[in-house]
Amino acid sequence: MIRKLRTLMGRPATLTATGAQQALAEGALLLDVRERNEWQTGHAPQAMHLAHSQLEEHLAELPVDRLIVAVCRSGRRSAMAADLLNRRGYRVANLTGGMTAWAAAGLPVIIDRNKPGHAT
């Protein structure tokens, strides 16, 4: 799956929630770009948190050798983050529908210490 992702006219690829889950199983990084208060209400267990508002100043923390799947609540901010990362040379895809789609697909949403959370 990861090798099959293609950009369209220079835009990052998009993935559904189940496509993102498959990419994660193949080694991709799930990057949650929501603000801290949103992250604290619930996130994917394997996600890394880096708010969109802080993304540019923390680019060096992101792997250049893995696909990054950007996610937010609905897919809008993560699409902007994916565009930014794509322009900076990262391999990136946007999770269409964000955490809302992730939760609707029945994928796990947790808060700290693996307690059940909800997507906001």
PDB file of N, CA and C in Angstrom:
ATOM      1  N   MET A   1       0.821  -1.192   0.000  1.00  0.00           N
ATOM      2  CA  MET A   1       0.000   0.000   0.000  1.00  0.00           C
ATOM      3  C   MET A   1       0.862   1.252   0.000  1.00  0.00           C
ATOM      4  N   ILE A   2       1.861   1.306   0.888  1.00  0.00           N
ATOM      5  CA  ILE A   2       2.672   2.517   0.999  1.00  0.00           C
ATOM      6  C   ILE A   2       3.342   2.850  -0.318  1.00  0.00           C
ATOM      7  N   ARG A   3       3.854   1.875  -1.006  1.00  0.00           N
ATOM      8  CA  ARG A   3       4.539   2.137  -2.268  1.00  0.00           C
ATOM      9  C   ARG A   3       3.586   2.587  -3.370  1.00  0.00           C
ATOM     10  N   LYS A   4       2.307   2.268  -3.229  1.00  0.00           N
ATOM     11  CA  LYS A   4       1.338   2.587  -4.265  1.00  0.00           C
ATOM     12  C   LYS A   4       0.804   4.014  -4.168  1.00  0.00           C
ATOM     13  N   LEU A   5       1.064   4.710  -3.054  1.00  0.00           N
ATOM     14  CA  LEU A   5       0.545   6.064  -2.900  1.00  0.00           C
ATOM     15  C   LEU A   5       1.186   6.999  -3.910  1.00  0.00           C
ATOM     16  N   ARG A   6       0.370   7.802  -4.531  1.00  0.00           N
ATOM     17  CA  ARG A   6       0.870   8.753  -5.514  1.00  0.00           C
ATOM     18  C   ARG A   6       0.257  10.112  -5.240  1.00  0.00           C
ATOM     19  N   THR A   7       1.021  11.115  -5.543  1.00  0.00           N
ATOM     20  CA  THR A   7       0.476  12.454  -5.432  1.00  0.00           C
ATOM     21  C   THR A   7      -0.222  12.787  -6.746  1.00  0.00           C
ATOM     22  N   LEU A   8      -1.189  13.650  -6.680  1.00  0.00           N
ATOM     23  CA  LEU A   8      -1.920  14.072  -7.859  1.00  0.00           C
ATOM     24  C   LEU A   8      -1.631  15.547  -8.074  1.00  0.00           C
ATOM     25  N   MET A   9      -0.977  15.852  -9.171  1.00  0.00           N
ATOM     26  CA  MET A   9      -0.637  17.234  -9.499  1.00  0.00           C
ATOM     27  C   MET A   9       0.097  17.907  -8.333  1.00  0.00           C
ATOM     28  N   GLY A  10       1.027  17.192  -7.723  1.00  0.00           N
ATOM     29  CA  GLY A  10       1.825  17.752  -6.647  1.00  0.00           C
ATOM     30  C   GLY A  10       1.160  17.792  -5.293  1.00  0.00           C
ATOM     31  N   ARG A  11      -0.056  17.309  -5.206  1.00  0.00           N
ATOM     32  CA  ARG A  11      -0.787  17.296  -3.934  1.00  0.00           C
ATOM     33  C   ARG A  11      -0.530  15.974  -3.216  1.00  0.00           C
ATOM     34  N   PRO A  12      -0.541  15.997  -1.870  1.00  0.00           N
ATOM     35  CA  PRO A  12      -0.357  14.740  -1.136  1.00  0.00           C
ATOM     36  C   PRO A  12      -1.484  13.752  -1.402  1.00  0.00           C
ATOM     37  N   ALA A  13      -1.163  12.495  -1.236  1.00  0.00           N
ATOM     38  CA  ALA A  13      -2.154  11.436  -1.370  1.00  0.00           C
ATOM     39  C   ALA A  13      -3.161  11.538  -0.230  1.00  0.00           C
ATOM     40  N   THR A  14      -4.290  10.886  -0.393  1.00  0.00           N
ATOM     41  CA  THR A  14      -5.288  10.796   0.676  1.00  0.00           C
ATOM     42  C   THR A  14      -5.536   9.328   0.975  1.00  0.00           C
ATOM     43  N   LEU A  15      -5.893   9.061   2.221  1.00  0.00           N
ATOM     44  CA  LEU A  15      -6.216   7.711   2.656  1.00  0.00           C
ATOM     45  C   LEU A  15      -7.513   7.725   3.445  1.00  0.00           C
ATOM     46  N   THR A  16      -8.266   6.666   3.341  1.00  0.00           N
ATOM     47  CA  THR A  16      -9.409   6.462   4.221  1.00  0.00           C
ATOM     48  C   THR A  16      -8.874   6.009   5.571  1.00  0.00           C
ATOM     49  N   ALA A  17      -9.741   5.891   6.557  1.00  0.00           N
ATOM     50  CA  ALA A  17      -9.312   5.423   7.870  1.00  0.00           C
ATOM     51  C   ALA A  17      -8.747   4.004   7.787  1.00  0.00           C
ATOM     52  N   THR A  18      -9.405   3.130   7.057  1.00  0.00           N
ATOM     53  CA  THR A  18      -8.894   1.763   6.952  1.00  0.00           C
ATOM     54  C   THR A  18      -7.609   1.710   6.125  1.00  0.00           C
ATOM     55  N   GLY A  19      -7.507   2.567   5.134  1.00  0.00           N
ATOM     56  CA  GLY A  19      -6.263   2.668   4.368  1.00  0.00           C
ATOM     57  C   GLY A  19      -5.124   3.181   5.236  1.00  0.00           C
ATOM     58  N   ALA A  20      -5.436   4.145   6.109  1.00  0.00           N
ATOM     59  CA  ALA A  20      -4.425   4.661   7.038  1.00  0.00           C
ATOM     60  C   ALA A  20      -3.996   3.575   8.003  1.00  0.00           C
ATOM     61  N   GLN A  21      -4.942   2.802   8.498  1.00  0.00           N
ATOM     62  CA  GLN A  21      -4.611   1.714   9.417  1.00  0.00           C
ATOM     63  C   GLN A  21      -3.683   0.712   8.731  1.00  0.00           C
ATOM     64  N   GLN A  22      -3.947   0.401   7.482  1.00  0.00           N
ATOM     65  CA  GLN A  22      -3.083  -0.523   6.737  1.00  0.00           C
ATOM     66  C   GLN A  22      -1.695   0.086   6.557  1.00  0.00           C
ATOM     67  N   ALA A  23      -1.622   1.369   6.237  1.00  0.00           N
ATOM     68  CA  ALA A  23      -0.323   2.035   6.081  1.00  0.00           C
ATOM     69  C   ALA A  23       0.461   2.001   7.388  1.00  0.00           C
ATOM     70  N   LEU A  24      -0.229   2.182   8.517  1.00  0.00           N
ATOM     71  CA  LEU A  24       0.435   2.118   9.822  1.00  0.00           C
ATOM     72  C   LEU A  24       1.001   0.721  10.065  1.00  0.00           C
ATOM     73  N   ALA A  25       0.256  -0.293   9.694  1.00  0.00           N
ATOM     74  CA  ALA A  25       0.724  -1.664   9.859  1.00  0.00           C
ATOM     75  C   ALA A  25       1.967  -1.929   9.010  1.00  0.00           C
ATOM     76  N   GLU A  26       2.128  -1.155   7.945  1.00  0.00           N
ATOM     77  CA  GLU A  26       3.278  -1.295   7.057  1.00  0.00           C
ATOM     78  C   GLU A  26       4.417  -0.352   7.435  1.00  0.00           C
ATOM     79  N   GLY A  27       4.283   0.357   8.552  1.00  0.00           N
ATOM     80  CA  GLY A  27       5.386   1.189   9.029  1.00  0.00           C
ATOM     81  C   GLY A  27       5.204   2.682   8.949  1.00  0.00           C
ATOM     82  N   ALA A  28       4.058   3.168   8.502  1.00  0.00           N
ATOM     83  CA  ALA A  28       3.831   4.615   8.436  1.00  0.00           C
ATOM     84  C   ALA A  28       3.691   5.201   9.841  1.00  0.00           C
ATOM     85  N   LEU A  29       3.876   6.503   9.942  1.00  0.00           N
ATOM     86  CA  LEU A  29       3.688   7.242  11.188  1.00  0.00           C
ATOM     87  C   LEU A  29       2.376   8.009  11.097  1.00  0.00           C
ATOM     88  N   LEU A  30       1.530   7.879  12.102  1.00  0.00           N
ATOM     89  CA  LEU A  30       0.299   8.658  12.178  1.00  0.00           C
ATOM     90  C   LEU A  30       0.604   9.925  12.971  1.00  0.00           C
ATOM     91  N   LEU A  31       0.466  11.080  12.327  1.00  0.00           N
ATOM     92  CA  LEU A  31       0.772  12.363  12.935  1.00  0.00           C
ATOM     93  C   LEU A  31      -0.525  13.129  13.182  1.00  0.00           C
ATOM     94  N   ASP A  32      -0.891  13.271  14.449  1.00  0.00           N
ATOM     95  CA  ASP A  32      -2.111  13.980  14.844  1.00  0.00           C
ATOM     96  C   ASP A  32      -1.763  15.457  15.015  1.00  0.00           C
ATOM     97  N   VAL A  33      -2.364  16.308  14.190  1.00  0.00           N
ATOM     98  CA  VAL A  33      -2.026  17.736  14.183  1.00  0.00           C
ATOM     99  C   VAL A  33      -3.070  18.601  14.888  1.00  0.00           C
ATOM    100  N   ARG A  34      -3.957  17.974  15.657  1.00  0.00           N
ATOM    101  CA  ARG A  34      -4.945  18.750  16.404  1.00  0.00           C
ATOM    102  C   ARG A  34      -4.284  19.468  17.581  1.00  0.00           C
ATOM    103  N   GLU A  35      -4.970  20.413  18.146  1.00  0.00           N
ATOM    104  CA  GLU A  35      -4.461  21.122  19.319  1.00  0.00           C
ATOM    105  C   GLU A  35      -4.488  20.190  20.530  1.00  0.00           C
ATOM    106  N   ARG A  36      -3.719  20.522  21.544  1.00  0.00           N
ATOM    107  CA  ARG A  36      -3.549  19.656  22.718  1.00  0.00           C
ATOM    108  C   ARG A  36      -4.882  19.288  23.380  1.00  0.00           C
ATOM    109  N   ASN A  37      -5.792  20.244  23.527  1.00  0.00           N
ATOM    110  CA  ASN A  37      -7.070  19.938  24.170  1.00  0.00           C
ATOM    111  C   ASN A  37      -7.880  18.918  23.367  1.00  0.00           C
ATOM    112  N   GLU A  38      -7.772  18.943  22.052  1.00  0.00           N
ATOM    113  CA  GLU A  38      -8.457  17.952  21.215  1.00  0.00           C
ATOM    114  C   GLU A  38      -7.798  16.576  21.374  1.00  0.00           C
ATOM    115  N   TRP A  39      -6.482  16.557  21.367  1.00  0.00           N
ATOM    116  CA  TRP A  39      -5.707  15.321  21.537  1.00  0.00           C
ATOM    117  C   TRP A  39      -6.082  14.644  22.853  1.00  0.00           C
ATOM    118  N   GLN A  40      -6.237  15.430  23.897  1.00  0.00           N
ATOM    119  CA  GLN A  40      -6.495  14.881  25.224  1.00  0.00           C
ATOM    120  C   GLN A  40      -7.870  14.222  25.345  1.00  0.00           C
ATOM    121  N   THR A  41      -8.809  14.578  24.478  1.00  0.00           N
ATOM    122  CA  THR A  41     -10.126  13.948  24.546  1.00  0.00           C
ATOM    123  C   THR A  41     -10.140  12.572  23.886  1.00  0.00           C
ATOM    124  N   GLY A  42      -9.174  12.317  23.031  1.00  0.00           N
ATOM    125  CA  GLY A  42      -9.079  11.020  22.389  1.00  0.00           C
ATOM    126  C   GLY A  42      -8.237  11.063  21.132  1.00  0.00           C
ATOM    127  N   HIS A  43      -7.424  10.028  20.947  1.00  0.00           N
ATOM    128  CA  HIS A  43      -6.542   9.935  19.787  1.00  0.00           C
ATOM    129  C   HIS A  43      -6.300   8.461  19.457  1.00  0.00           C
ATOM    130  N   ALA A  44      -5.755   8.226  18.295  1.00  0.00           N
ATOM    131  CA  ALA A  44      -5.396   6.860  17.907  1.00  0.00           C
ATOM    132  C   ALA A  44      -4.225   6.406  18.786  1.00  0.00           C
ATOM    133  N   PRO A  45      -4.234   5.157  19.225  1.00  0.00           N
ATOM    134  CA  PRO A  45      -3.201   4.687  20.152  1.00  0.00           C
ATOM    135  C   PRO A  45      -1.772   4.886  19.664  1.00  0.00           C
ATOM    136  N   GLN A  46      -1.524   4.729  18.373  1.00  0.00           N
ATOM    137  CA  GLN A  46      -0.165   4.787  17.864  1.00  0.00           C
ATOM    138  C   GLN A  46       0.237   6.166  17.338  1.00  0.00           C
ATOM    139  N   ALA A  47      -0.610   7.159  17.510  1.00  0.00           N
ATOM    140  CA  ALA A  47      -0.354   8.483  16.938  1.00  0.00           C
ATOM    141  C   ALA A  47       0.715   9.263  17.701  1.00  0.00           C
ATOM    142  N   MET A  48       1.425  10.085  16.950  1.00  0.00           N
ATOM    143  CA  MET A  48       2.339  11.082  17.501  1.00  0.00           C
ATOM    144  C   MET A  48       1.601  12.414  17.460  1.00  0.00           C
ATOM    145  N   HIS A  49       1.688  13.187  18.524  1.00  0.00           N
ATOM    146  CA  HIS A  49       0.999  14.475  18.564  1.00  0.00           C
ATOM    147  C   HIS A  49       1.968  15.615  18.278  1.00  0.00           C
ATOM    148  N   LEU A  50       1.603  16.449  17.329  1.00  0.00           N
ATOM    149  CA  LEU A  50       2.337  17.677  17.023  1.00  0.00           C
ATOM    150  C   LEU A  50       1.325  18.635  16.409  1.00  0.00           C
ATOM    151  N   ALA A  51       0.877  19.592  17.204  1.00  0.00           N
ATOM    152  CA  ALA A  51      -0.171  20.511  16.754  1.00  0.00           C
ATOM    153  C   ALA A  51       0.237  21.232  15.468  1.00  0.00           C
ATOM    154  N   HIS A  52      -0.725  21.424  14.586  1.00  0.00           N
ATOM    155  CA  HIS A  52      -0.479  22.122  13.325  1.00  0.00           C
ATOM    156  C   HIS A  52       0.165  23.480  13.564  1.00  0.00           C
ATOM    157  N   SER A  53      -0.248  24.151  14.626  1.00  0.00           N
ATOM    158  CA  SER A  53       0.294  25.481  14.926  1.00  0.00           C
ATOM    159  C   SER A  53       1.781  25.445  15.287  1.00  0.00           C
ATOM    160  N   GLN A  54       2.318  24.273  15.602  1.00  0.00           N
ATOM    161  CA  GLN A  54       3.729  24.133  15.972  1.00  0.00           C
ATOM    162  C   GLN A  54       4.526  23.312  14.963  1.00  0.00           C
ATOM    163  N   LEU A  55       3.887  22.924  13.885  1.00  0.00           N
ATOM    164  CA  LEU A  55       4.491  21.988  12.950  1.00  0.00           C
ATOM    165  C   LEU A  55       5.811  22.491  12.359  1.00  0.00           C
ATOM    166  N   GLU A  56       5.812  23.700  11.838  1.00  0.00           N
ATOM    167  CA  GLU A  56       7.020  24.198  11.163  1.00  0.00           C
ATOM    168  C   GLU A  56       8.229  24.240  12.076  1.00  0.00           C
ATOM    169  N   GLU A  57       8.038  24.586  13.328  1.00  0.00           N
ATOM    170  CA  GLU A  57       9.182  24.683  14.224  1.00  0.00           C
ATOM    171  C   GLU A  57       9.670  23.324  14.727  1.00  0.00           C
ATOM    172  N   HIS A  58       8.935  22.249  14.435  1.00  0.00           N
ATOM    173  CA  HIS A  58       9.324  20.917  14.897  1.00  0.00           C
ATOM    174  C   HIS A  58       9.517  19.918  13.752  1.00  0.00           C
ATOM    175  N   LEU A  59       9.722  20.400  12.541  1.00  0.00           N
ATOM    176  CA  LEU A  59       9.873  19.503  11.391  1.00  0.00           C
ATOM    177  C   LEU A  59      11.013  18.501  11.575  1.00  0.00           C
ATOM    178  N   ALA A  60      12.075  18.912  12.235  1.00  0.00           N
ATOM    179  CA  ALA A  60      13.239  18.032  12.412  1.00  0.00           C
ATOM    180  C   ALA A  60      12.907  16.792  13.246  1.00  0.00           C
ATOM    181  N   GLU A  61      11.803  16.811  13.986  1.00  0.00           N
ATOM    182  CA  GLU A  61      11.406  15.665  14.804  1.00  0.00           C
ATOM    183  C   GLU A  61      10.708  14.575  13.990  1.00  0.00           C
ATOM    184  N   LEU A  62      10.391  14.886  12.750  1.00  0.00           N
ATOM    185  CA  LEU A  62       9.647  13.936  11.917  1.00  0.00           C
ATOM    186  C   LEU A  62      10.590  13.095  11.071  1.00  0.00           C
ATOM    187  N   PRO A  63      10.250  11.828  10.881  1.00  0.00           N
ATOM    188  CA  PRO A  63      11.116  10.953  10.086  1.00  0.00           C
ATOM    189  C   PRO A  63      11.031  11.285   8.594  1.00  0.00           C
ATOM    190  N   VAL A  64      12.159  11.245   7.945  1.00  0.00           N
ATOM    191  CA  VAL A  64      12.177  11.489   6.505  1.00  0.00           C
ATOM    192  C   VAL A  64      12.121  10.183   5.716  1.00  0.00           C
ATOM    193  N   ASP A  65      12.268   9.057   6.414  1.00  0.00           N
ATOM    194  CA  ASP A  65      12.336   7.769   5.749  1.00  0.00           C
ATOM    195  C   ASP A  65      11.062   6.935   5.887  1.00  0.00           C
ATOM    196  N   ARG A  66       9.994   7.529   6.408  1.00  0.00           N
ATOM    197  CA  ARG A  66       8.718   6.824   6.573  1.00  0.00           C
ATOM    198  C   ARG A  66       7.594   7.669   6.002  1.00  0.00           C
ATOM    199  N   LEU A  67       6.545   7.007   5.567  1.00  0.00           N
ATOM    200  CA  LEU A  67       5.337   7.717   5.184  1.00  0.00           C
ATOM    201  C   LEU A  67       4.724   8.316   6.438  1.00  0.00           C
ATOM    202  N   ILE A  68       4.289   9.555   6.350  1.00  0.00           N
ATOM    203  CA  ILE A  68       3.580  10.223   7.440  1.00  0.00           C
ATOM    204  C   ILE A  68       2.131  10.364   7.020  1.00  0.00           C
ATOM    205  N   VAL A  69       1.218   9.899   7.866  1.00  0.00           N
ATOM    206  CA  VAL A  69      -0.213  10.052   7.625  1.00  0.00           C
ATOM    207  C   VAL A  69      -0.707  11.124   8.583  1.00  0.00           C
ATOM    208  N   ALA A  70      -1.112  12.266   8.051  1.00  0.00           N
ATOM    209  CA  ALA A  70      -1.573  13.385   8.868  1.00  0.00           C
ATOM    210  C   ALA A  70      -3.062  13.224   9.167  1.00  0.00           C
ATOM    211  N   VAL A  71      -3.438  13.546  10.422  1.00  0.00           N
ATOM    212  CA  VAL A  71      -4.835  13.434  10.839  1.00  0.00           C
ATOM    213  C   VAL A  71      -5.181  14.606  11.751  1.00  0.00           C
ATOM    214  N   CYS A  72      -6.405  15.080  11.646  1.00  0.00           N
ATOM    215  CA  CYS A  72      -6.960  16.084  12.563  1.00  0.00           C
ATOM    216  C   CYS A  72      -8.374  15.618  12.907  1.00  0.00           C
ATOM    217  N   ARG A  73      -9.274  16.515  13.212  1.00  0.00           N
ATOM    218  CA  ARG A  73     -10.646  16.112  13.538  1.00  0.00           C
ATOM    219  C   ARG A  73     -11.417  15.732  12.280  1.00  0.00           C
ATOM    220  N   SER A  74     -11.359  16.594  11.257  1.00  0.00           N
ATOM    221  CA  SER A  74     -12.190  16.375  10.076  1.00  0.00           C
ATOM    222  C   SER A  74     -11.406  16.161   8.785  1.00  0.00           C
ATOM    223  N   GLY A  75     -10.126  16.451   8.798  1.00  0.00           N
ATOM    224  CA  GLY A  75      -9.311  16.314   7.595  1.00  0.00           C
ATOM    225  C   GLY A  75      -8.857  17.628   7.005  1.00  0.00           C
ATOM    226  N   ARG A  76      -9.363  18.747   7.488  1.00  0.00           N
ATOM    227  CA  ARG A  76      -9.005  20.057   6.919  1.00  0.00           C
ATOM    228  C   ARG A  76      -7.606  20.507   7.345  1.00  0.00           C
ATOM    229  N   ARG A  77      -7.359  20.555   8.644  1.00  0.00           N
ATOM    230  CA  ARG A  77      -6.025  20.972   9.114  1.00  0.00           C
ATOM    231  C   ARG A  77      -4.959  19.977   8.697  1.00  0.00           C
ATOM    232  N   SER A  78      -5.303  18.694   8.739  1.00  0.00           N
ATOM    233  CA  SER A  78      -4.313  17.694   8.336  1.00  0.00           C
ATOM    234  C   SER A  78      -4.000  17.809   6.843  1.00  0.00           C
ATOM    235  N   ALA A  79      -4.957  18.234   6.033  1.00  0.00           N
ATOM    236  CA  ALA A  79      -4.678  18.468   4.614  1.00  0.00           C
ATOM    237  C   ALA A  79      -3.681  19.615   4.466  1.00  0.00           C
ATOM    238  N   MET A  80      -3.830  20.663   5.270  1.00  0.00           N
ATOM    239  CA  MET A  80      -2.876  21.769   5.231  1.00  0.00           C
ATOM    240  C   MET A  80      -1.500  21.303   5.711  1.00  0.00           C
ATOM    241  N   ALA A  81      -1.481  20.490   6.766  1.00  0.00           N
ATOM    242  CA  ALA A  81      -0.213  19.952   7.270  1.00  0.00           C
ATOM    243  C   ALA A  81       0.434  19.062   6.216  1.00  0.00           C
ATOM    244  N   ALA A  82      -0.360  18.230   5.560  1.00  0.00           N
ATOM    245  CA  ALA A  82       0.170  17.347   4.515  1.00  0.00           C
ATOM    246  C   ALA A  82       0.749  18.159   3.367  1.00  0.00           C
ATOM    247  N   ASP A  83       0.085  19.250   2.987  1.00  0.00           N
ATOM    248  CA  ASP A  83       0.609  20.125   1.932  1.00  0.00           C
ATOM    249  C   ASP A  83       1.968  20.693   2.339  1.00  0.00           C
ATOM    250  N   LEU A  84       2.057  21.175   3.565  1.00  0.00           N
ATOM    251  CA  LEU A  84       3.313  21.733   4.066  1.00  0.00           C
ATOM    252  C   LEU A  84       4.423  20.684   4.040  1.00  0.00           C
ATOM    253  N   LEU A  85       4.131  19.502   4.588  1.00  0.00           N
ATOM    254  CA  LEU A  85       5.131  18.439   4.631  1.00  0.00           C
ATOM    255  C   LEU A  85       5.533  17.994   3.226  1.00  0.00           C
ATOM    256  N   ASN A  86       4.576  17.920   2.342  1.00  0.00           N
ATOM    257  CA  ASN A  86       4.849  17.544   0.962  1.00  0.00           C
ATOM    258  C   ASN A  86       5.807  18.551   0.310  1.00  0.00           C
ATOM    259  N   ARG A  87       5.558  19.831   0.519  1.00  0.00           N
ATOM    260  CA  ARG A  87       6.431  20.873  -0.031  1.00  0.00           C
ATOM    261  C   ARG A  87       7.839  20.800   0.547  1.00  0.00           C
ATOM    262  N   ARG A  88       7.963  20.282   1.765  1.00  0.00           N
ATOM    263  CA  ARG A  88       9.270  20.165   2.417  1.00  0.00           C
ATOM    264  C   ARG A  88       9.962  18.843   2.111  1.00  0.00           C
ATOM    265  N   GLY A  89       9.358  18.031   1.249  1.00  0.00           N
ATOM    266  CA  GLY A  89      10.006  16.811   0.796  1.00  0.00           C
ATOM    267  C   GLY A  89       9.666  15.546   1.564  1.00  0.00           C
ATOM    268  N   TYR A  90       8.722  15.613   2.492  1.00  0.00           N
ATOM    269  CA  TYR A  90       8.316  14.424   3.234  1.00  0.00           C
ATOM    270  C   TYR A  90       7.346  13.600   2.400  1.00  0.00           C
ATOM    271  N   ARG A  91       7.352  12.292   2.605  1.00  0.00           N
ATOM    272  CA  ARG A  91       6.338  11.417   2.018  1.00  0.00           C
ATOM    273  C   ARG A  91       5.139  11.480   2.950  1.00  0.00           C
ATOM    274  N   VAL A  92       4.015  11.954   2.446  1.00  0.00           N
ATOM    275  CA  VAL A  92       2.881  12.227   3.330  1.00  0.00           C
ATOM    276  C   VAL A  92       1.564  11.937   2.641  1.00  0.00           C
ATOM    277  N   ALA A  93       0.585  11.558   3.455  1.00  0.00           N
ATOM    278  CA  ALA A  93      -0.792  11.372   2.997  1.00  0.00           C
ATOM    279  C   ALA A  93      -1.709  11.988   4.046  1.00  0.00           C
ATOM    280  N   ASN A  94      -2.871  12.410   3.632  1.00  0.00           N
ATOM    281  CA  ASN A  94      -3.870  12.968   4.534  1.00  0.00           C
ATOM    282  C   ASN A  94      -4.969  11.941   4.789  1.00  0.00           C
ATOM    283  N   LEU A  95      -5.355  11.793   6.061  1.00  0.00           N
ATOM    284  CA  LEU A  95      -6.444  10.890   6.413  1.00  0.00           C
ATOM    285  C   LEU A  95      -7.759  11.638   6.180  1.00  0.00           C
ATOM    286  N   THR A  96      -8.450  11.290   5.116  1.00  0.00           N
ATOM    287  CA  THR A  96      -9.709  11.930   4.751  1.00  0.00           C
ATOM    288  C   THR A  96     -10.761  11.696   5.833  1.00  0.00           C
ATOM    289  N   GLY A  97     -11.368  12.765   6.306  1.00  0.00           N
ATOM    290  CA  GLY A  97     -12.404  12.649   7.324  1.00  0.00           C
ATOM    291  C   GLY A  97     -11.865  12.664   8.743  1.00  0.00           C
ATOM    292  N   GLY A  98     -10.540  12.627   8.876  1.00  0.00           N
ATOM    293  CA  GLY A  98      -9.891  12.778  10.172  1.00  0.00           C
ATOM    294  C   GLY A  98     -10.291  11.746  11.221  1.00  0.00           C
ATOM    295  N   MET A  99     -10.167  12.169  12.485  1.00  0.00           N
ATOM    296  CA  MET A  99     -10.502  11.286  13.601  1.00  0.00           C
ATOM    297  C   MET A  99     -11.983  10.937  13.615  1.00  0.00           C
ATOM    298  N   THR A 100     -12.805  11.776  13.036  1.00  0.00           N
ATOM    299  CA  THR A 100     -14.228  11.465  12.927  1.00  0.00           C
ATOM    300  C   THR A 100     -14.408  10.197  12.089  1.00  0.00           C
ATOM    301  N   ALA A 101     -13.701  10.122  10.951  1.00  0.00           N
ATOM    302  CA  ALA A 101     -13.771   8.937  10.097  1.00  0.00           C
ATOM    303  C   ALA A 101     -13.093   7.742  10.763  1.00  0.00           C
ATOM    304  N   TRP A 102     -12.003   8.003  11.469  1.00  0.00           N
ATOM    305  CA  TRP A 102     -11.282   6.930  12.178  1.00  0.00           C
ATOM    306  C   TRP A 102     -12.231   6.242  13.177  1.00  0.00           C
ATOM    307  N   ALA A 103     -12.891   7.048  14.000  1.00  0.00           N
ATOM    308  CA  ALA A 103     -13.810   6.498  15.008  1.00  0.00           C
ATOM    309  C   ALA A 103     -15.015   5.827  14.341  1.00  0.00           C
ATOM    310  N   ALA A 104     -15.541   6.431  13.273  1.00  0.00           N
ATOM    311  CA  ALA A 104     -16.693   5.859  12.576  1.00  0.00           C
ATOM    312  C   ALA A 104     -16.363   4.502  11.958  1.00  0.00           C
ATOM    313  N   ALA A 105     -15.083   4.286  11.628  1.00  0.00           N
ATOM    314  CA  ALA A 105     -14.657   2.997  11.064  1.00  0.00           C
ATOM    315  C   ALA A 105     -14.459   1.948  12.159  1.00  0.00           C
ATOM    316  N   GLY A 106     -14.712   2.334  13.407  1.00  0.00           N
ATOM    317  CA  GLY A 106     -14.581   1.393  14.515  1.00  0.00           C
ATOM    318  C   GLY A 106     -13.147   1.203  14.994  1.00  0.00           C
ATOM    319  N   LEU A 107     -12.263   2.113  14.592  1.00  0.00           N
ATOM    320  CA  LEU A 107     -10.864   2.009  15.016  1.00  0.00           C
ATOM    321  C   LEU A 107     -10.715   2.628  16.401  1.00  0.00           C
ATOM    322  N   PRO A 108      -9.734   2.174  17.173  1.00  0.00           N
ATOM    323  CA  PRO A 108      -9.639   2.598  18.579  1.00  0.00           C
ATOM    324  C   PRO A 108      -9.287   4.067  18.766  1.00  0.00           C
ATOM    325  N   VAL A 109      -9.932   4.649  19.760  1.00  0.00           N
ATOM    326  CA  VAL A 109      -9.667   6.020  20.192  1.00  0.00           C
ATOM    327  C   VAL A 109      -9.450   5.948  21.696  1.00  0.00           C
ATOM    328  N   ILE A 110      -8.311   6.459  22.151  1.00  0.00           N
ATOM    329  CA  ILE A 110      -7.972   6.376  23.572  1.00  0.00           C
ATOM    330  C   ILE A 110      -7.597   7.745  24.128  1.00  0.00           C
ATOM    331  N   ILE A 111      -7.574   7.830  25.450  1.00  0.00           N
ATOM    332  CA  ILE A 111      -6.945   8.954  26.122  1.00  0.00           C
ATOM    333  C   ILE A 111      -5.731   8.381  26.835  1.00  0.00           C
ATOM    334  N   ASP A 112      -4.982   9.201  27.518  1.00  0.00           N
ATOM    335  CA  ASP A 112      -3.775   8.724  28.194  1.00  0.00           C
ATOM    336  C   ASP A 112      -4.075   7.471  29.022  1.00  0.00           C
ATOM    337  N   ARG A 113      -3.078   6.622  29.108  1.00  0.00           N
ATOM    338  CA  ARG A 113      -3.146   5.356  29.840  1.00  0.00           C
ATOM    339  C   ARG A 113      -4.122   4.368  29.230  1.00  0.00           C
ATOM    340  N   ASN A 114      -4.373   4.523  27.938  1.00  0.00           N
ATOM    341  CA  ASN A 114      -5.197   3.583  27.163  1.00  0.00           C
ATOM    342  C   ASN A 114      -6.643   3.474  27.607  1.00  0.00           C
ATOM    343  N   LYS A 115      -7.169   4.497  28.250  1.00  0.00           N
ATOM    344  CA  LYS A 115      -8.588   4.516  28.557  1.00  0.00           C
ATOM    345  C   LYS A 115      -9.347   4.932  27.302  1.00  0.00           C
ATOM    346  N   PRO A 116     -10.578   4.428  27.115  1.00  0.00           N
ATOM    347  CA  PRO A 116     -11.346   4.823  25.946  1.00  0.00           C
ATOM    348  C   PRO A 116     -11.563   6.333  25.892  1.00  0.00           C
ATOM    349  N   GLY A 117     -11.456   6.890  24.708  1.00  0.00           N
ATOM    350  CA  GLY A 117     -11.696   8.310  24.508  1.00  0.00           C
ATOM    351  C   GLY A 117     -12.708   8.495  23.389  1.00  0.00           C
ATOM    352  N   HIS A 118     -12.849   9.708  22.913  1.00  0.00           N
ATOM    353  CA  HIS A 118     -13.720   9.960  21.775  1.00  0.00           C
ATOM    354  C   HIS A 118     -13.060  10.976  20.861  1.00  0.00           C
ATOM    355  N   ALA A 119     -13.425  10.926  19.608  1.00  0.00           N
ATOM    356  CA  ALA A 119     -12.823  11.789  18.586  1.00  0.00           C
ATOM    357  C   ALA A 119     -13.520  13.139  18.558  1.00  0.00           C
ATOM    358  N   THR A 120     -12.736  14.200  18.755  1.00  0.00           N
ATOM    359  CA  THR A 120     -13.265  15.565  18.609  1.00  0.00           C
ATOM    360  C   THR A 120     -12.324  16.399  17.803  1.00  0.00           C
TER     361      THR A 120
END
